């Protein structure tokens, strides 16, 4: 995926996380933790792409 697509996906996931925390009422709910970890992974992927672009 291109960086812009990944950023859009990240934004959607962040909104989902916010709504899920509101719904579950907890930051330690298993679904909240799982989505948060997926977001972390996506952020790392975006950072790696940016680093590769800087090296070119």
PDB file of N, CA and C in Angstrom:
ATOM      1  N   UNK A   1       0.838  -1.186   0.000  1.00  0.00           N
ATOM      2  CA  UNK A   1       0.000   0.000   0.000  1.00  0.00           C
ATOM      3  C   UNK A   1       0.878   1.242   0.000  1.00  0.00           C
ATOM      4  N   UNK A   2       0.366   2.265  -0.592  1.00  0.00           N
ATOM      5  CA  UNK A   2       1.089   3.520  -0.605  1.00  0.00           C
ATOM      6  C   UNK A   2       0.900   4.234   0.725  1.00  0.00           C
ATOM      7  N   UNK A   3       1.820   5.138   0.997  1.00  0.00           N
ATOM      8  CA  UNK A   3       1.808   5.848   2.280  1.00  0.00           C
ATOM      9  C   UNK A   3       0.484   6.573   2.531  1.00  0.00           C
ATOM     10  N   UNK A   4      -0.049   7.238   1.521  1.00  0.00           N
ATOM     11  CA  UNK A   4      -1.300   7.979   1.694  1.00  0.00           C
ATOM     12  C   UNK A   4      -2.449   7.045   2.063  1.00  0.00           C
ATOM     13  N   UNK A   5      -2.512   5.901   1.426  1.00  0.00           N
ATOM     14  CA  UNK A   5      -3.557   4.920   1.749  1.00  0.00           C
ATOM     15  C   UNK A   5      -3.417   4.434   3.185  1.00  0.00           C
ATOM     16  N   UNK A   6      -2.178   4.211   3.602  1.00  0.00           N
ATOM     17  CA  UNK A   6      -1.932   3.750   4.965  1.00  0.00           C
ATOM     18  C   UNK A   6      -2.323   4.816   5.980  1.00  0.00           C
ATOM     19  N   UNK A   7      -2.056   6.066   5.660  1.00  0.00           N
ATOM     20  CA  UNK A   7      -2.439   7.150   6.568  1.00  0.00           C
ATOM     21  C   UNK A   7      -3.947   7.261   6.704  1.00  0.00           C
ATOM     22  N   UNK A   8      -4.647   7.084   5.594  1.00  0.00           N
ATOM     23  CA  UNK A   8      -6.118   7.110   5.648  1.00  0.00           C
ATOM     24  C   UNK A   8      -6.646   5.948   6.484  1.00  0.00           C
ATOM     25  N   UNK A   9      -6.035   4.797   6.292  1.00  0.00           N
ATOM     26  CA  UNK A   9      -6.437   3.626   7.087  1.00  0.00           C
ATOM     27  C   UNK A   9      -6.180   3.881   8.565  1.00  0.00           C
ATOM     28  N   UNK A  10      -5.051   4.498   8.875  1.00  0.00           N
ATOM     29  CA  UNK A  10      -4.708   4.825  10.256  1.00  0.00           C
ATOM     30  C   UNK A  10      -5.755   5.755  10.864  1.00  0.00           C
ATOM     31  N   UNK A  11      -6.149   6.759  10.121  1.00  0.00           N
ATOM     32  CA  UNK A  11      -7.167   7.687  10.618  1.00  0.00           C
ATOM     33  C   UNK A  11      -8.482   6.975  10.920  1.00  0.00           C
ATOM     34  N   UNK A  12      -8.877   6.073  10.030  1.00  0.00           N
ATOM     35  CA  UNK A  12     -10.122   5.315  10.262  1.00  0.00           C
ATOM     36  C   UNK A  12     -10.000   4.430  11.505  1.00  0.00           C
ATOM     37  N   UNK A  13      -8.848   3.810  11.661  1.00  0.00           N
ATOM     38  CA  UNK A  13      -8.637   2.932  12.814  1.00  0.00           C
ATOM     39  C   UNK A  13      -8.614   3.724  14.118  1.00  0.00           C
ATOM     40  N   UNK A  14      -8.079   4.931  14.083  1.00  0.00           N
ATOM     41  CA  UNK A  14      -8.056   5.771  15.278  1.00  0.00           C
ATOM     42  C   UNK A  14      -9.471   6.161  15.696  1.00  0.00           C
ATOM     43  N   UNK A  15     -10.313   6.451  14.720  1.00  0.00           N
ATOM     44  CA  UNK A  15     -11.713   6.756  15.017  1.00  0.00           C
ATOM     45  C   UNK A  15     -12.397   5.531  15.606  1.00  0.00           C
ATOM     46  N   UNK A  16     -12.131   4.365  15.008  1.00  0.00           N
ATOM     47  CA  UNK A  16     -12.703   3.112  15.530  1.00  0.00           C
ATOM     48  C   UNK A  16     -12.274   2.888  16.970  1.00  0.00           C
ATOM     49  N   UNK A  17     -11.010   3.166  17.252  1.00  0.00           N
ATOM     50  CA  UNK A  17     -10.484   2.975  18.610  1.00  0.00           C
ATOM     51  C   UNK A  17     -11.202   3.894  19.588  1.00  0.00           C
ATOM     52  N   UNK A  18     -11.348   5.140  19.217  1.00  0.00           N
ATOM     53  CA  UNK A  18     -12.047   6.096  20.069  1.00  0.00           C
ATOM     54  C   UNK A  18     -13.462   5.608  20.378  1.00  0.00           C
ATOM     55  N   UNK A  19     -14.175   5.182  19.337  1.00  0.00           N
ATOM     56  CA  UNK A  19     -15.545   4.711  19.522  1.00  0.00           C
ATOM     57  C   UNK A  19     -15.598   3.440  20.357  1.00  0.00           C
ATOM     58  N   UNK A  20     -14.641   2.565  20.147  1.00  0.00           N
ATOM     59  CA  UNK A  20     -14.610   1.312  20.895  1.00  0.00           C
ATOM     60  C   UNK A  20     -14.349   1.554  22.377  1.00  0.00           C
ATOM     61  N   UNK A  21     -13.457   2.482  22.682  1.00  0.00           N
ATOM     62  CA  UNK A  21     -13.189   2.823  24.088  1.00  0.00           C
ATOM     63  C   UNK A  21     -14.444   3.421  24.720  1.00  0.00           C
ATOM     64  N   UNK A  22     -15.127   4.279  23.978  1.00  0.00           N
ATOM     65  CA  UNK A  22     -16.380   4.859  24.472  1.00  0.00           C
ATOM     66  C   UNK A  22     -17.406   3.764  24.765  1.00  0.00           C
ATOM     67  N   UNK A  23     -17.489   2.796  23.853  1.00  0.00           N
ATOM     68  CA  UNK A  23     -18.467   1.714  23.979  1.00  0.00           C
ATOM     69  C   UNK A  23     -18.108   0.777  25.129  1.00  0.00           C
ATOM     70  N   UNK A  24     -16.851   0.381  25.198  1.00  0.00           N
ATOM     71  CA  UNK A  24     -16.413  -0.597  26.201  1.00  0.00           C
ATOM     72  C   UNK A  24     -16.147   0.033  27.560  1.00  0.00           C
ATOM     73  N   UNK A  25     -15.827   1.330  27.548  1.00  0.00           N
ATOM     74  CA  UNK A  25     -15.579   2.018  28.807  1.00  0.00           C
ATOM     75  C   UNK A  25     -14.271   1.628  29.465  1.00  0.00           C
ATOM     76  N   UNK A  26     -13.343   1.089  28.683  1.00  0.00           N
ATOM     77  CA  UNK A  26     -12.086   0.620  29.263  1.00  0.00           C
ATOM     78  C   UNK A  26     -10.983   0.596  28.220  1.00  0.00           C
ATOM     79  N   UNK A  27      -9.800   0.994  28.673  1.00  0.00           N
ATOM     80  CA  UNK A  27      -8.631   0.916  27.791  1.00  0.00           C
ATOM     81  C   UNK A  27      -8.000  -0.474  27.804  1.00  0.00           C
ATOM     82  N   UNK A  28      -8.393  -1.303  28.747  1.00  0.00           N
ATOM     83  CA  UNK A  28      -7.794  -2.636  28.857  1.00  0.00           C
ATOM     84  C   UNK A  28      -8.704  -3.749  28.352  1.00  0.00           C
ATOM     85  N   UNK A  29      -9.822  -3.369  27.755  1.00  0.00           N
ATOM     86  CA  UNK A  29     -10.693  -4.353  27.125  1.00  0.00           C
ATOM     87  C   UNK A  29      -9.900  -5.054  26.018  1.00  0.00           C
ATOM     88  N   UNK A  30     -10.009  -6.371  25.904  1.00  0.00           N
ATOM     89  CA  UNK A  30      -9.231  -7.104  24.899  1.00  0.00           C
ATOM     90  C   UNK A  30      -9.371  -6.574  23.470  1.00  0.00           C
ATOM     91  N   UNK A  31     -10.565  -6.171  23.067  1.00  0.00           N
ATOM     92  CA  UNK A  31     -10.752  -5.640  21.714  1.00  0.00           C
ATOM     93  C   UNK A  31     -10.054  -4.290  21.546  1.00  0.00           C
ATOM     94  N   UNK A  32     -10.080  -3.471  22.593  1.00  0.00           N
ATOM     95  CA  UNK A  32      -9.412  -2.173  22.557  1.00  0.00           C
ATOM     96  C   UNK A  32      -7.906  -2.379  22.441  1.00  0.00           C
ATOM     97  N   UNK A  33      -7.378  -3.294  23.241  1.00  0.00           N
ATOM     98  CA  UNK A  33      -5.940  -3.575  23.209  1.00  0.00           C
ATOM     99  C   UNK A  33      -5.528  -4.097  21.834  1.00  0.00           C
ATOM    100  N   UNK A  34      -6.317  -4.994  21.287  1.00  0.00           N
ATOM    101  CA  UNK A  34      -5.993  -5.564  19.975  1.00  0.00           C
ATOM    102  C   UNK A  34      -5.968  -4.493  18.884  1.00  0.00           C
ATOM    103  N   UNK A  35      -6.977  -3.628  18.865  1.00  0.00           N
ATOM    104  CA  UNK A  35      -7.024  -2.566  17.867  1.00  0.00           C
ATOM    105  C   UNK A  35      -5.865  -1.591  18.071  1.00  0.00           C
ATOM    106  N   UNK A  36      -5.553  -1.294  19.300  1.00  0.00           N
ATOM    107  CA  UNK A  36      -4.432  -0.406  19.607  1.00  0.00           C
ATOM    108  C   UNK A  36      -3.113  -0.994  19.097  1.00  0.00           C
ATOM    109  N   UNK A  37      -2.942  -2.279  19.249  1.00  0.00           N
ATOM    110  CA  UNK A  37      -1.736  -2.942  18.752  1.00  0.00           C
ATOM    111  C   UNK A  37      -1.678  -2.923  17.231  1.00  0.00           C
ATOM    112  N   UNK A  38      -2.821  -3.071  16.590  1.00  0.00           N
ATOM    113  CA  UNK A  38      -2.867  -2.992  15.126  1.00  0.00           C
ATOM    114  C   UNK A  38      -2.482  -1.587  14.659  1.00  0.00           C
ATOM    115  N   UNK A  39      -2.947  -0.584  15.385  1.00  0.00           N
ATOM    116  CA  UNK A  39      -2.594   0.801  15.063  1.00  0.00           C
ATOM    117  C   UNK A  39      -1.097   1.009  15.234  1.00  0.00           C
ATOM    118  N   UNK A  40      -0.535   0.490  16.317  1.00  0.00           N
ATOM    119  CA  UNK A  40       0.907   0.600  16.551  1.00  0.00           C
ATOM    120  C   UNK A  40       1.695  -0.004  15.387  1.00  0.00           C
ATOM    121  N   UNK A  41       1.270  -1.149  14.950  1.00  0.00           N
ATOM    122  CA  UNK A  41       1.943  -1.825  13.845  1.00  0.00           C
ATOM    123  C   UNK A  41       1.860  -1.003  12.560  1.00  0.00           C
ATOM    124  N   UNK A  42       0.714  -0.418  12.306  1.00  0.00           N
ATOM    125  CA  UNK A  42       0.530   0.405  11.115  1.00  0.00           C
ATOM    126  C   UNK A  42       1.404   1.660  11.184  1.00  0.00           C
ATOM    127  N   UNK A  43       1.489   2.259  12.356  1.00  0.00           N
ATOM    128  CA  UNK A  43       2.349   3.439  12.536  1.00  0.00           C
ATOM    129  C   UNK A  43       3.800   3.073  12.229  1.00  0.00           C
ATOM    130  N   UNK A  44       4.248   1.934  12.711  1.00  0.00           N
ATOM    131  CA  UNK A  44       5.616   1.491  12.425  1.00  0.00           C
ATOM    132  C   UNK A  44       5.829   1.275  10.932  1.00  0.00           C
ATOM    133  N   UNK A  45       4.857   0.708  10.264  1.00  0.00           N
ATOM    134  CA  UNK A  45       4.948   0.489   8.822  1.00  0.00           C
ATOM    135  C   UNK A  45       5.084   1.824   8.084  1.00  0.00           C
ATOM    136  N   UNK A  46       4.282   2.801   8.475  1.00  0.00           N
ATOM    137  CA  UNK A  46       4.354   4.125   7.850  1.00  0.00           C
ATOM    138  C   UNK A  46       5.718   4.762   8.105  1.00  0.00           C
ATOM    139  N   UNK A  47       6.227   4.627   9.317  1.00  0.00           N
ATOM    140  CA  UNK A  47       7.541   5.180   9.640  1.00  0.00           C
ATOM    141  C   UNK A  47       8.641   4.527   8.814  1.00  0.00           C
ATOM    142  N   UNK A  48       8.555   3.229   8.612  1.00  0.00           N
ATOM    143  CA  UNK A  48       9.551   2.526   7.796  1.00  0.00           C
ATOM    144  C   UNK A  48       9.522   3.027   6.360  1.00  0.00           C
ATOM    145  N   UNK A  49       8.336   3.252   5.828  1.00  0.00           N
ATOM    146  CA  UNK A  49       8.206   3.766   4.469  1.00  0.00           C
ATOM    147  C   UNK A  49       8.865   5.141   4.373  1.00  0.00           C
ATOM    148  N   UNK A  50       8.595   5.991   5.357  1.00  0.00           N
ATOM    149  CA  UNK A  50       9.180   7.336   5.354  1.00  0.00           C
ATOM    150  C   UNK A  50      10.700   7.276   5.439  1.00  0.00           C
ATOM    151  N   UNK A  51      11.220   6.366   6.245  1.00  0.00           N
ATOM    152  CA  UNK A  51      12.677   6.237   6.385  1.00  0.00           C
ATOM    153  C   UNK A  51      13.308   5.783   5.070  1.00  0.00           C
ATOM    154  N   UNK A  52      12.663   4.857   4.385  1.00  0.00           N
ATOM    155  CA  UNK A  52      13.179   4.384   3.099  1.00  0.00           C
ATOM    156  C   UNK A  52      13.194   5.512   2.065  1.00  0.00           C
ATOM    157  N   UNK A  53      12.171   6.357   2.102  1.00  0.00           N
ATOM    158  CA  UNK A  53      12.100   7.477   1.168  1.00  0.00           C
ATOM    159  C   UNK A  53      13.214   8.486   1.422  1.00  0.00           C
ATOM    160  N   UNK A  54      13.580   8.668   2.676  1.00  0.00           N
ATOM    161  CA  UNK A  54      14.643   9.609   3.024  1.00  0.00           C
ATOM    162  C   UNK A  54      16.018   9.104   2.573  1.00  0.00           C
ATOM    163  N   UNK A  55      16.177   7.798   2.543  1.00  0.00           N
ATOM    164  CA  UNK A  55      17.461   7.200   2.189  1.00  0.00           C
ATOM    165  C   UNK A  55      17.715   7.326   0.681  1.00  0.00           C
ATOM    166  N   UNK A  56      16.658   7.344  -0.099  1.00  0.00           N
ATOM    167  CA  UNK A  56      16.804   7.391  -1.573  1.00  0.00           C
ATOM    168  C   UNK A  56      17.471   8.640  -2.047  1.00  0.00           C
TER     169      UNK A  56
END
